[in-house]
N, C-alpha and C. Protein backbone atom coordinates (compact mmCIF):
# COMPACT_ATOMS: atom_id res chain seq x y z
N MET A 1 -10.36 -0.63 34.30
CA MET A 1 -11.16 -0.28 32.77
C MET A 1 -10.72 1.02 31.86
N PRO A 2 -10.14 0.30 30.83
CA PRO A 2 -9.74 1.43 30.00
C PRO A 2 -10.45 2.84 29.20
N ASN A 3 -9.60 2.94 29.64
CA ASN A 3 -9.91 4.99 29.06
C ASN A 3 -9.55 5.48 28.34
N PRO A 4 -9.42 4.82 27.22
CA PRO A 4 -8.86 5.75 25.80
C PRO A 4 -8.82 7.35 25.22
N ARG A 5 -8.18 7.87 24.80
CA ARG A 5 -9.06 8.77 23.92
C ARG A 5 -8.15 8.28 23.02
N LEU A 6 -9.58 9.25 22.38
CA LEU A 6 -9.84 8.72 21.04
C LEU A 6 -10.68 10.29 19.60
N THR A 7 -9.85 10.36 18.45
CA THR A 7 -10.21 11.53 17.84
C THR A 7 -11.36 11.30 16.62
N GLY A 8 -12.03 11.74 16.45
CA GLY A 8 -13.50 11.90 15.98
C GLY A 8 -12.84 10.90 14.73
N LEU A 9 -11.78 10.75 14.41
CA LEU A 9 -12.00 9.80 12.73
C LEU A 9 -11.46 7.85 14.25
N GLY A 10 -10.19 8.35 14.55
CA GLY A 10 -10.50 7.56 15.29
C GLY A 10 -12.06 6.88 16.23
N GLY A 11 -12.92 7.32 16.81
CA GLY A 11 -14.22 7.37 17.55
C GLY A 11 -15.06 6.46 15.91
N GLY A 12 -14.92 7.58 15.09
CA GLY A 12 -15.75 6.21 14.33
C GLY A 12 -15.00 5.26 13.79
N LEU A 13 -13.78 5.16 13.59
CA LEU A 13 -13.61 3.47 13.46
C LEU A 13 -13.91 2.79 14.16
N PHE A 14 -13.61 3.01 15.13
CA PHE A 14 -14.11 1.90 16.36
C PHE A 14 -15.09 1.74 16.41
N CYS A 15 -15.97 2.83 16.05
CA CYS A 15 -17.97 2.27 15.87
C CYS A 15 -18.30 1.46 14.91
N ALA A 16 -17.86 1.78 13.85
CA ALA A 16 -17.55 1.27 12.30
C ALA A 16 -17.33 -0.18 12.49
N VAL A 17 -15.89 -0.53 13.13
CA VAL A 17 -15.16 -1.82 12.94
C VAL A 17 -16.38 -2.34 14.06
N SER A 18 -16.56 -2.20 15.30
CA SER A 18 -16.97 -3.17 16.24
C SER A 18 -18.30 -3.80 16.20
N MET A 19 -19.09 -2.58 14.97
CA MET A 19 -20.33 -2.41 14.83
C MET A 19 -20.46 -4.11 13.48
N PHE A 20 -19.56 -3.62 12.97
CA PHE A 20 -19.85 -4.82 11.59
C PHE A 20 -19.20 -5.83 11.96
N ALA A 21 -18.39 -6.59 13.35
CA ALA A 21 -17.68 -6.90 13.85
C ALA A 21 -18.53 -7.68 14.42
N LEU A 22 -19.48 -7.15 15.55
CA LEU A 22 -20.94 -7.32 16.24
C LEU A 22 -21.44 -7.85 15.10
N ALA A 23 -22.18 -7.45 13.97
CA ALA A 23 -22.51 -7.92 12.97
C ALA A 23 -22.76 -9.13 12.39
N CYS A 24 -21.40 -9.89 12.28
CA CYS A 24 -20.35 -11.33 11.61
C CYS A 24 -21.12 -12.06 12.41
N LEU A 25 -20.85 -11.90 13.91
CA LEU A 25 -21.06 -12.94 15.11
C LEU A 25 -22.77 -13.01 15.36
N ASP A 26 -23.48 -12.07 14.67
CA ASP A 26 -24.65 -12.06 15.30
C ASP A 26 -24.82 -13.05 13.90
N ARG A 27 -24.91 -12.89 12.34
CA ARG A 27 -25.28 -13.86 11.69
C ARG A 27 -24.54 -15.29 11.60
N LEU A 28 -23.72 -15.16 11.93
CA LEU A 28 -23.15 -16.59 12.40
C LEU A 28 -23.17 -17.26 14.08
N LEU A 29 -23.87 -17.21 14.80
CA LEU A 29 -25.00 -17.07 16.30
C LEU A 29 -26.19 -17.23 15.90
N PHE A 30 -26.59 -15.61 15.91
CA PHE A 30 -28.19 -16.05 15.91
C PHE A 30 -28.65 -15.84 14.60
N SER A 31 -28.30 -15.94 13.01
CA SER A 31 -29.05 -15.61 11.98
C SER A 31 -29.57 -14.16 11.31
N ALA A 32 -28.48 -13.54 12.18
CA ALA A 32 -28.93 -11.80 11.74
C ALA A 32 -29.69 -11.61 12.25
N SER A 33 -30.34 -10.95 13.78
CA SER A 33 -30.92 -10.81 14.29
C SER A 33 -31.11 -9.09 14.41
N LEU A 34 -31.78 -8.18 13.88
CA LEU A 34 -31.91 -6.73 13.83
C LEU A 34 -31.98 -6.44 14.82
N THR A 35 -33.10 -7.59 16.04
CA THR A 35 -33.10 -6.71 17.50
C THR A 35 -31.47 -6.83 17.99
N LEU A 36 -31.35 -7.87 17.93
CA LEU A 36 -29.80 -8.04 18.35
C LEU A 36 -28.43 -7.49 18.30
N TYR A 37 -28.86 -6.86 16.96
CA TYR A 37 -27.89 -5.15 15.92
C TYR A 37 -27.56 -4.03 16.80
N GLY A 38 -28.95 -4.03 18.14
CA GLY A 38 -29.77 -2.84 17.66
C GLY A 38 -29.62 -2.77 19.11
N VAL A 39 -29.29 -3.63 20.22
CA VAL A 39 -29.54 -3.93 20.99
C VAL A 39 -27.48 -4.25 21.12
N LEU A 40 -26.78 -4.63 20.40
CA LEU A 40 -26.22 -3.80 20.80
C LEU A 40 -25.28 -2.81 20.35
N PHE A 41 -25.69 -2.22 19.68
CA PHE A 41 -25.03 -0.88 19.03
C PHE A 41 -24.91 0.25 20.19
N LEU A 42 -26.43 -0.59 21.17
CA LEU A 42 -26.22 0.80 22.37
C LEU A 42 -25.27 0.93 23.04
N PRO A 43 -24.60 -0.63 23.93
CA PRO A 43 -23.01 0.68 23.83
C PRO A 43 -21.74 0.24 23.69
N VAL A 44 -21.92 0.02 22.38
CA VAL A 44 -21.33 0.82 21.48
C VAL A 44 -21.33 2.10 20.96
N SER A 45 -22.52 2.71 21.09
CA SER A 45 -22.90 4.22 21.38
C SER A 45 -22.37 5.10 22.68
N ALA A 46 -22.52 4.45 23.72
CA ALA A 46 -21.98 4.69 24.85
C ALA A 46 -20.09 4.18 24.78
N LEU A 47 -20.34 3.68 25.18
CA LEU A 47 -18.07 3.65 24.73
C LEU A 47 -17.43 5.04 24.05
N THR A 48 -18.30 5.25 22.52
CA THR A 48 -18.15 5.79 21.56
C THR A 48 -17.75 7.52 21.87
N ALA A 49 -19.02 7.54 22.73
CA ALA A 49 -19.19 8.80 23.27
C ALA A 49 -18.67 9.24 24.73
N VAL A 50 -17.82 8.16 25.23
CA VAL A 50 -17.53 8.00 26.39
C VAL A 50 -15.42 8.55 25.37
N TRP A 51 -15.09 7.69 24.89
CA TRP A 51 -13.77 7.38 24.65
C TRP A 51 -13.64 8.70 24.08
N VAL A 52 -14.30 9.26 23.59
CA VAL A 52 -13.51 10.56 22.21
C VAL A 52 -13.11 11.81 23.40
N ARG A 53 -11.58 11.87 22.46
CA ARG A 53 -11.32 13.17 23.62
C ARG A 53 -12.57 14.49 23.85
N ARG A 54 -11.58 15.14 24.23
CA ARG A 54 -12.55 16.67 24.57
C ARG A 54 -12.24 17.13 23.61
N GLY A 55 -11.68 17.18 22.75
CA GLY A 55 -11.65 18.39 21.14
C GLY A 55 -12.53 17.91 20.25
N ASP A 56 -12.59 16.46 20.63
CA ASP A 56 -13.66 16.46 19.39
C ASP A 56 -14.87 15.89 19.26
N LEU A 57 -15.78 16.40 20.79
CA LEU A 57 -16.41 16.09 21.34
C LEU A 57 -17.38 15.73 20.71
N ALA A 58 -18.04 16.76 19.70
CA ALA A 58 -18.84 17.06 18.99
C ALA A 58 -19.33 16.41 17.95
N SER A 59 -17.98 15.60 17.39
CA SER A 59 -18.18 13.98 16.32
C SER A 59 -18.39 13.03 17.41
N GLY A 60 -18.84 12.81 18.39
CA GLY A 60 -19.63 11.79 18.77
C GLY A 60 -20.95 11.69 18.91
N PRO A 61 -21.80 11.90 18.11
CA PRO A 61 -23.13 11.58 17.59
C PRO A 61 -23.56 11.57 16.04
N VAL A 62 -22.47 12.13 16.03
CA VAL A 62 -22.28 12.61 14.59
C VAL A 62 -21.01 11.38 13.67
N VAL A 63 -20.60 10.55 14.02
CA VAL A 63 -19.75 8.85 13.63
C VAL A 63 -21.26 7.77 13.97
N VAL A 64 -21.48 7.76 15.07
CA VAL A 64 -22.53 6.97 15.72
C VAL A 64 -23.30 6.34 14.61
N PRO A 65 -24.60 7.09 14.03
CA PRO A 65 -25.07 6.86 13.22
C PRO A 65 -24.81 6.31 11.71
N ILE A 66 -23.61 6.64 11.76
CA ILE A 66 -22.49 6.49 10.75
C ILE A 66 -22.23 5.25 10.62
N ALA A 67 -21.96 4.33 11.36
CA ALA A 67 -20.72 2.77 12.11
C ALA A 67 -22.60 2.18 12.07
N PHE A 68 -23.42 2.43 12.69
CA PHE A 68 -24.04 1.61 12.51
C PHE A 68 -24.76 1.74 11.01
N ALA A 69 -24.69 2.52 10.22
CA ALA A 69 -24.95 1.79 8.86
C ALA A 69 -24.10 1.22 8.31
N ALA A 70 -22.75 1.29 8.69
CA ALA A 70 -21.74 0.64 8.13
C ALA A 70 -21.42 -0.73 8.61
N GLY A 71 -22.22 -1.00 9.79
CA GLY A 71 -22.09 -2.83 10.36
C GLY A 71 -23.50 -3.49 9.60
N LEU A 72 -24.25 -2.67 8.79
CA LEU A 72 -25.66 -3.66 9.08
C LEU A 72 -25.48 -4.46 7.30
N PRO A 73 -24.33 -4.44 6.57
CA PRO A 73 -23.52 -5.21 5.23
C PRO A 73 -24.08 -7.26 5.78
N PRO A 74 -23.87 -7.07 6.91
CA PRO A 74 -23.60 -8.51 7.06
C PRO A 74 -25.41 -9.70 6.97
N ILE A 75 -26.24 -8.22 8.05
CA ILE A 75 -26.98 -8.79 8.32
C ILE A 75 -28.26 -7.71 6.93
N ALA A 76 -27.49 -8.01 6.31
CA ALA A 76 -29.34 -6.87 5.46
C ALA A 76 -30.24 -7.52 4.82
N GLY A 77 -29.10 -9.27 4.96
CA GLY A 77 -29.93 -9.30 3.44
C GLY A 77 -30.02 -8.83 2.04
N GLY A 78 -31.29 -9.30 0.38
CA GLY A 78 -31.12 -8.69 -0.23
C GLY A 78 -30.94 -9.53 -1.02
N GLU A 79 -31.89 -10.01 -1.94
CA GLU A 79 -31.36 -10.97 -3.60
C GLU A 79 -31.57 -9.59 -4.98
N GLY A 80 -30.99 -10.20 -5.88
CA GLY A 80 -31.32 -9.68 -6.93
C GLY A 80 -30.29 -8.34 -7.63
N GLY A 81 -28.60 -9.01 -7.46
CA GLY A 81 -28.23 -7.91 -7.27
C GLY A 81 -27.40 -6.57 -6.43
N PRO A 82 -26.74 -5.77 -7.02
CA PRO A 82 -26.50 -4.60 -6.47
C PRO A 82 -28.17 -3.47 -5.58
N ALA A 83 -28.77 -3.73 -7.19
CA ALA A 83 -30.58 -3.25 -6.34
C ALA A 83 -31.29 -3.89 -5.23
N GLY A 84 -30.95 -4.87 -5.74
CA GLY A 84 -31.57 -6.21 -4.53
C GLY A 84 -30.88 -5.58 -3.17
N TYR A 85 -29.29 -5.39 -2.80
CA TYR A 85 -28.97 -5.63 -1.78
C TYR A 85 -29.19 -4.15 -1.27
N LEU A 86 -29.53 -2.90 -2.16
CA LEU A 86 -29.41 -2.26 -1.45
C LEU A 86 -30.73 -1.60 -1.23
N MET A 87 -31.82 -1.94 -1.66
CA MET A 87 -32.85 -2.21 -1.20
C MET A 87 -33.28 -2.86 -0.16
N GLY A 88 -32.10 -3.98 0.51
CA GLY A 88 -32.05 -5.00 1.61
C GLY A 88 -31.69 -4.51 2.42
N LEU A 89 -30.74 -3.17 2.57
CA LEU A 89 -30.21 -2.67 3.20
C LEU A 89 -31.09 -1.44 3.70
N VAL A 90 -31.75 -0.84 3.25
CA VAL A 90 -32.61 0.43 3.18
C VAL A 90 -33.18 -0.17 3.85
N THR A 91 -34.20 -1.32 4.30
CA THR A 91 -35.60 -2.26 4.81
C THR A 91 -34.46 -2.01 5.87
N ALA A 92 -33.20 -2.69 6.07
CA ALA A 92 -33.28 -3.08 7.13
C ALA A 92 -32.49 -1.58 8.31
N LEU A 93 -31.95 -1.45 7.39
CA LEU A 93 -32.14 0.62 8.80
C LEU A 93 -34.06 0.77 8.81
N ALA A 94 -34.48 1.12 8.00
CA ALA A 94 -35.67 1.41 8.40
C ALA A 94 -36.30 0.64 9.59
N MET A 95 -36.43 -0.41 9.61
CA MET A 95 -36.90 -1.80 10.37
C MET A 95 -36.03 -1.67 11.89
N ALA A 96 -34.88 -1.18 11.66
CA ALA A 96 -34.22 -0.88 12.99
C ALA A 96 -33.62 0.97 13.81
N ALA A 97 -34.63 1.33 13.02
CA ALA A 97 -34.68 2.90 13.08
C ALA A 97 -34.38 3.70 14.35
N GLY A 98 -35.03 2.54 15.69
CA GLY A 98 -35.99 3.02 16.50
C GLY A 98 -34.28 2.73 17.19
N TRP A 99 -33.67 1.68 16.98
CA TRP A 99 -32.28 1.36 17.34
C TRP A 99 -31.12 2.44 17.49
N LEU A 100 -31.24 2.83 16.14
CA LEU A 100 -30.68 3.84 15.43
C LEU A 100 -30.62 5.41 15.91
N TYR A 101 -32.32 5.14 16.81
CA TYR A 101 -32.59 6.34 17.20
C TYR A 101 -31.88 6.57 18.87
N GLY A 102 -31.75 6.19 19.20
CA GLY A 102 -32.18 5.16 20.76
C GLY A 102 -30.37 5.93 21.09
N GLY A 103 -29.79 4.93 20.22
CA GLY A 103 -27.82 4.66 20.20
C GLY A 103 -27.06 6.39 20.15
N THR A 104 -28.11 6.85 18.79
CA THR A 104 -27.76 8.73 18.86
C THR A 104 -27.92 8.82 19.91
N LEU A 105 -28.83 9.03 20.26
CA LEU A 105 -29.46 9.59 21.78
C LEU A 105 -28.10 9.66 22.85
N ILE A 106 -28.58 8.62 23.35
CA ILE A 106 -26.91 7.95 24.52
C ILE A 106 -25.80 9.02 23.97
N ALA A 107 -25.30 8.82 22.91
CA ALA A 107 -24.08 9.44 22.03
C ALA A 107 -23.90 11.10 22.39
N GLY A 108 -25.55 11.46 21.85
CA GLY A 108 -24.73 12.63 22.58
C GLY A 108 -25.65 12.91 23.89
N LEU A 109 -26.15 12.27 24.05
CA LEU A 109 -26.30 13.13 26.20
C LEU A 109 -24.95 12.52 26.91
N ILE A 110 -24.10 11.48 26.46
CA ILE A 110 -23.55 11.49 27.09
C ILE A 110 -22.58 12.97 26.73
N VAL A 111 -21.95 12.99 25.66
CA VAL A 111 -21.78 13.95 25.11
C VAL A 111 -22.12 15.45 25.92
N THR A 112 -22.50 15.45 25.54
CA THR A 112 -23.34 16.65 26.36
C THR A 112 -23.04 17.53 27.82
N ALA A 113 -23.35 15.95 28.86
CA ALA A 113 -22.81 15.82 29.59
C ALA A 113 -21.63 16.38 30.00
N ARG A 114 -20.79 15.64 29.44
CA ARG A 114 -19.07 16.40 29.06
C ARG A 114 -18.92 17.35 28.57
N LYS A 115 -19.21 17.86 28.03
CA LYS A 115 -19.18 18.94 27.26
C LYS A 115 -19.31 20.04 29.00
N LEU A 116 -20.63 20.18 29.10
CA LEU A 116 -21.42 21.05 30.22
C LEU A 116 -20.06 21.13 32.27
N ARG A 117 -20.51 18.88 32.45
CA ARG A 117 -18.62 19.59 33.24
C ARG A 117 -17.41 19.89 32.63
N LEU A 118 -16.71 20.07 30.98
CA LEU A 118 -16.22 20.27 30.61
C LEU A 118 -15.55 21.54 31.62
N MET A 119 -17.26 22.32 30.61
CA MET A 119 -17.18 24.22 30.45
C MET A 119 -16.75 24.81 32.61
N ALA A 120 -17.29 24.07 33.19
CA ALA A 120 -18.13 23.82 34.42
C ALA A 120 -16.61 23.67 35.11
N ARG A 121 -15.34 22.73 35.50
CA ARG A 121 -14.24 23.03 35.76
C ARG A 121 -13.58 23.72 34.86
N ARG A 122 -13.37 24.14 33.86
CA ARG A 122 -13.24 25.61 33.11
C ARG A 122 -13.16 26.53 33.72
N ALA A 123 -14.89 26.98 34.22
CA ALA A 123 -14.95 27.83 34.72
C ALA A 123 -15.36 27.64 35.76
N ALA A 124 -14.33 27.37 36.65
CA ALA A 124 -13.81 26.99 38.16
C ALA A 124 -11.94 27.41 38.10
N GLU A 125 -11.73 26.97 37.14
CA GLU A 125 -10.19 27.19 37.32
C GLU A 125 -10.14 28.29 36.99
N ARG A 126 -10.72 29.05 36.05
CA ARG A 126 -11.01 30.60 35.58
C ARG A 126 -11.16 31.53 36.91
N GLU A 127 -12.29 30.87 37.37
CA GLU A 127 -12.85 31.89 39.34
C GLU A 127 -11.49 31.60 40.50
N GLY A 128 -10.70 30.71 39.66
CA GLY A 128 -9.62 30.49 40.85
C GLY A 128 -8.49 30.82 40.50
N ALA A 129 -8.31 30.92 39.29
CA ALA A 129 -6.75 31.77 39.45
C ALA A 129 -7.09 33.34 39.46
N THR A 130 -8.02 33.31 38.85
CA THR A 130 -8.44 34.85 38.99
C THR A 130 -8.61 35.11 41.31
N ALA A 131 -9.27 34.10 41.41
CA ALA A 131 -9.24 34.98 43.40
C ALA A 131 -7.77 34.24 43.61
N GLY A 132 -6.55 33.71 43.16
CA GLY A 132 -5.59 33.61 43.54
C GLY A 132 -4.45 34.56 43.20
N GLU A 133 -4.94 35.39 41.95
CA GLU A 133 -4.28 36.88 41.49
C GLU A 133 -4.61 37.80 42.91
N ARG A 134 -6.12 37.34 43.24
CA ARG A 134 -6.73 38.71 44.17
C ARG A 134 -6.46 38.56 44.68
N ARG A 135 -5.87 37.63 45.94
CA ARG A 135 -5.75 37.65 46.94
C ARG A 135 -3.76 38.04 47.44
N VAL A 136 -2.93 36.87 45.66
CA VAL A 136 -1.71 37.43 45.84
C VAL A 136 -1.72 38.81 45.83
N GLY A 137 -2.39 39.92 45.28
CA GLY A 137 -2.35 41.34 44.90
C GLY A 137 -2.77 41.44 46.24
N ARG A 138 -3.59 41.05 47.37
CA ARG A 138 -3.88 42.21 48.39
C ARG A 138 -2.68 41.84 49.23
N THR A 139 -2.23 40.55 49.62
CA THR A 139 -0.57 40.81 49.90
C THR A 139 0.32 40.81 49.44
N GLY A 140 0.65 41.28 48.21
CA GLY A 140 1.96 42.52 48.28
C GLY A 140 1.71 43.49 48.31
N GLU A 141 0.19 44.00 48.64
CA GLU A 141 -0.41 45.63 48.95
C GLU A 141 -0.21 45.39 50.74
N ARG A 142 -0.77 44.74 52.05
CA ARG A 142 0.02 45.00 52.56
C ARG A 142 1.43 44.58 53.12
N GLU A 143 2.50 43.45 52.55
CA GLU A 143 3.68 43.24 52.42
C GLU A 143 4.26 45.24 52.38
N ALA A 144 4.13 45.87 51.58
CA ALA A 144 4.38 47.05 50.85
C ALA A 144 3.67 48.21 52.43
N ALA A 145 2.59 48.23 52.40
CA ALA A 145 2.12 48.97 53.91
C ALA A 145 2.62 49.30 55.36
N THR A 146 2.92 47.49 55.45
CA THR A 146 4.20 47.34 56.47
C THR A 146 5.77 47.36 56.70
N SER A 147 6.05 47.52 55.67
CA SER A 147 7.00 47.91 55.08
C SER A 147 7.82 49.10 55.28
N ARG A 148 6.69 49.48 54.05
CA ARG A 148 6.75 51.55 54.73
C ARG A 148 6.39 51.99 55.39
N GLY A 149 4.66 51.45 56.68
CA GLY A 149 4.84 51.99 57.90
C GLY A 149 6.18 51.72 58.76
N SER A 150 6.75 50.35 58.94
CA SER A 150 8.09 50.31 59.92
C SER A 150 8.94 50.91 59.68
N GLU A 151 9.61 51.90 58.69
CA GLU A 151 10.59 52.11 58.37
C GLU A 151 10.31 54.10 58.57
N ALA A 152 11.09 54.45 59.22
CA ALA A 152 10.62 56.15 59.41
C ALA A 152 11.10 56.53 58.71
N PRO A 153 11.01 58.16 58.20
CA PRO A 153 11.36 58.50 57.34
C PRO A 153 12.40 59.10 57.19
N GLY A 154 12.69 58.50 55.49
CA GLY A 154 14.47 58.79 55.52
C GLY A 154 14.69 57.68 55.01
N GLY A 155 13.77 56.53 55.12
CA GLY A 155 14.91 54.69 55.35
C GLY A 155 15.70 55.23 56.97
N LEU A 156 14.94 55.95 58.53
CA LEU A 156 15.75 55.19 59.19
C LEU A 156 14.84 54.49 60.26
N GLY A 157 15.79 54.35 61.34
CA GLY A 157 14.51 53.52 61.86
C GLY A 157 14.58 51.59 62.12
N ARG A 158 14.50 51.29 63.60
CA ARG A 158 13.98 50.35 63.36
C ARG A 158 13.12 50.09 63.21
N PRO A 159 12.02 48.67 62.39
CA PRO A 159 11.23 47.53 62.40
C PRO A 159 9.96 47.39 62.94
N GLY A 160 9.15 48.13 63.86
CA GLY A 160 8.27 47.21 65.25
C GLY A 160 8.82 47.82 65.80
N LYS A 161 9.28 49.53 66.23
CA LYS A 161 9.63 50.09 67.67
C LYS A 161 9.01 50.75 67.71
N ALA A 162 8.16 51.28 68.57
CA ALA A 162 7.80 52.84 67.94
C ALA A 162 8.80 53.51 68.70
N GLY A 163 8.61 55.62 68.49
CA GLY A 163 9.81 55.30 68.89
C GLY A 163 10.75 55.31 69.21
N ALA A 164 11.40 54.65 68.37
CA ALA A 164 12.65 54.38 68.09
C ALA A 164 13.50 55.32 67.65
N GLN A 165 15.19 56.02 68.12
CA GLN A 165 16.10 56.42 67.70
C GLN A 165 16.13 56.12 66.70
N PRO A 166 15.95 57.72 64.83
CA PRO A 166 17.23 56.79 64.17
C PRO A 166 18.52 56.72 63.75
N HIS A 167 18.89 55.67 63.69
CA HIS A 167 19.90 55.30 63.66
C HIS A 167 21.01 56.33 61.66
N PRO A 168 21.93 56.73 61.79
CA PRO A 168 21.94 57.31 60.34
C PRO A 168 22.79 56.52 59.96
N SER A 169 22.33 56.28 58.27
CA SER A 169 22.81 55.63 57.29
C SER A 169 22.88 56.08 56.24
N TYR A 170 23.92 55.93 55.81
CA TYR A 170 25.17 55.73 54.80
C TYR A 170 24.68 55.36 53.61
N ASP A 171 23.95 54.88 53.25
CA ASP A 171 23.38 54.50 51.91
C ASP A 171 22.18 55.48 51.75
N HIS A 172 21.70 56.05 52.62
CA HIS A 172 20.57 56.13 52.05
C HIS A 172 20.34 58.05 52.65
N ALA A 173 21.56 58.97 52.69
CA ALA A 173 21.79 60.22 53.20
C ALA A 173 21.59 60.95 52.08
N PRO A 174 21.29 61.79 52.18
CA PRO A 174 20.63 63.44 51.41
C PRO A 174 21.79 63.84 50.65
N ALA A 175 21.40 63.77 49.26
CA ALA A 175 23.18 64.41 48.81
C ALA A 175 22.72 66.21 48.56
N ARG A 176 24.26 66.24 49.11
CA ARG A 176 23.82 67.94 48.72
C ARG A 176 24.47 68.86 47.82
N PRO A 177 23.60 69.55 47.44
CA PRO A 177 24.72 70.13 46.06
C PRO A 177 25.28 70.88 46.62
N ARG A 178 26.06 70.53 45.20
CA ARG A 178 28.20 70.77 45.04
C ARG A 178 27.85 72.70 45.17
N THR A 179 29.38 73.22 45.23
CA THR A 179 29.18 74.08 45.24
C THR A 179 30.64 74.04 43.81
N PRO A 180 30.43 75.49 43.21
CA PRO A 180 30.74 75.72 42.06
C PRO A 180 32.19 75.91 42.55
N ARG A 181 33.58 75.42 41.78
CA ARG A 181 34.84 76.06 41.86
C ARG A 181 35.17 77.60 41.16
N PRO A 182 35.62 78.39 42.16
CA PRO A 182 36.42 78.74 41.14
C PRO A 182 36.83 79.26 40.25
N PRO A 183 36.69 80.05 38.96
CA PRO A 183 37.31 79.72 37.71
C PRO A 183 38.93 79.97 37.82
N ALA A 184 39.91 79.33 37.58
CA ALA A 184 41.02 78.82 37.26
C ALA A 184 41.45 80.39 37.45
N GLN A 185 42.32 81.45 38.14
CA GLN A 185 43.45 82.65 37.52
C GLN A 185 44.07 82.85 37.08
N PRO A 186 45.01 83.08 35.75
CA PRO A 186 45.90 83.11 35.58
C PRO A 186 47.34 84.12 36.61
N ARG A 187 48.81 82.52 36.64
CA ARG A 187 49.59 82.90 37.86
C ARG A 187 50.95 84.73 37.19
N ARG A 188 50.81 84.85 39.05
CA ARG A 188 51.93 86.37 37.54
C ARG A 188 53.28 86.44 38.63
N THR A 189 53.38 86.60 37.39
CA THR A 189 55.05 86.44 37.55
C THR A 189 56.00 88.08 38.11
N ALA A 190 56.53 87.90 38.94
CA ALA A 190 56.91 88.90 38.41
C ALA A 190 58.07 89.58 37.66
N PRO A 191 58.80 89.64 36.82
CA PRO A 191 59.81 90.17 36.15
C PRO A 191 61.48 89.72 36.94
N ARG A 192 62.45 89.29 36.03
CA ARG A 192 62.93 88.79 36.62
C ARG A 192 64.73 89.96 36.64
N GLY A 193 64.92 90.89 37.01
CA GLY A 193 65.56 92.06 36.85
C GLY A 193 64.75 93.03 38.16
N SER A 194 63.61 93.06 38.67
CA SER A 194 62.85 93.80 38.60
C SER A 194 63.54 93.87 41.04
């Protein structure tokens, strides 16, 4: 089954184009049945809510009723110019209001379930990251304590052997203070003729 990820605009276009195409087929094959149009609207609403991407979840229930209205013109009917056509469109919307509400409700429920699942997953990832940091911190503390306990004072001795004689280490020998040199004395020279 395809699993596209649509933006809010892409989801609206998908839903509107699908409903318009289904309305045209309905008019050709079933002589503009509003009931069939409403029944076909339900799966299109569900697909729109499932395929909209995570960042645009809130747009799912918004674009669905707009697409329902956008697909109605082929089956709305109406006579007597633009005013009659508009009256036919409003009448078709009023007669198919149950289907409109049903499809919008389906889209809203699917989007809500997806949002709750996404929030739970993020909370679990955050909790897992925090637990991992705690675990790494504890491991680091244990290693530091082990290395501290295994060394003799001054960095001497072998780790792991109790009572081991310390070995001299030239890297960690304590530095002794230097004694200052006495200042240089001028040399006394004896005169040559004495």
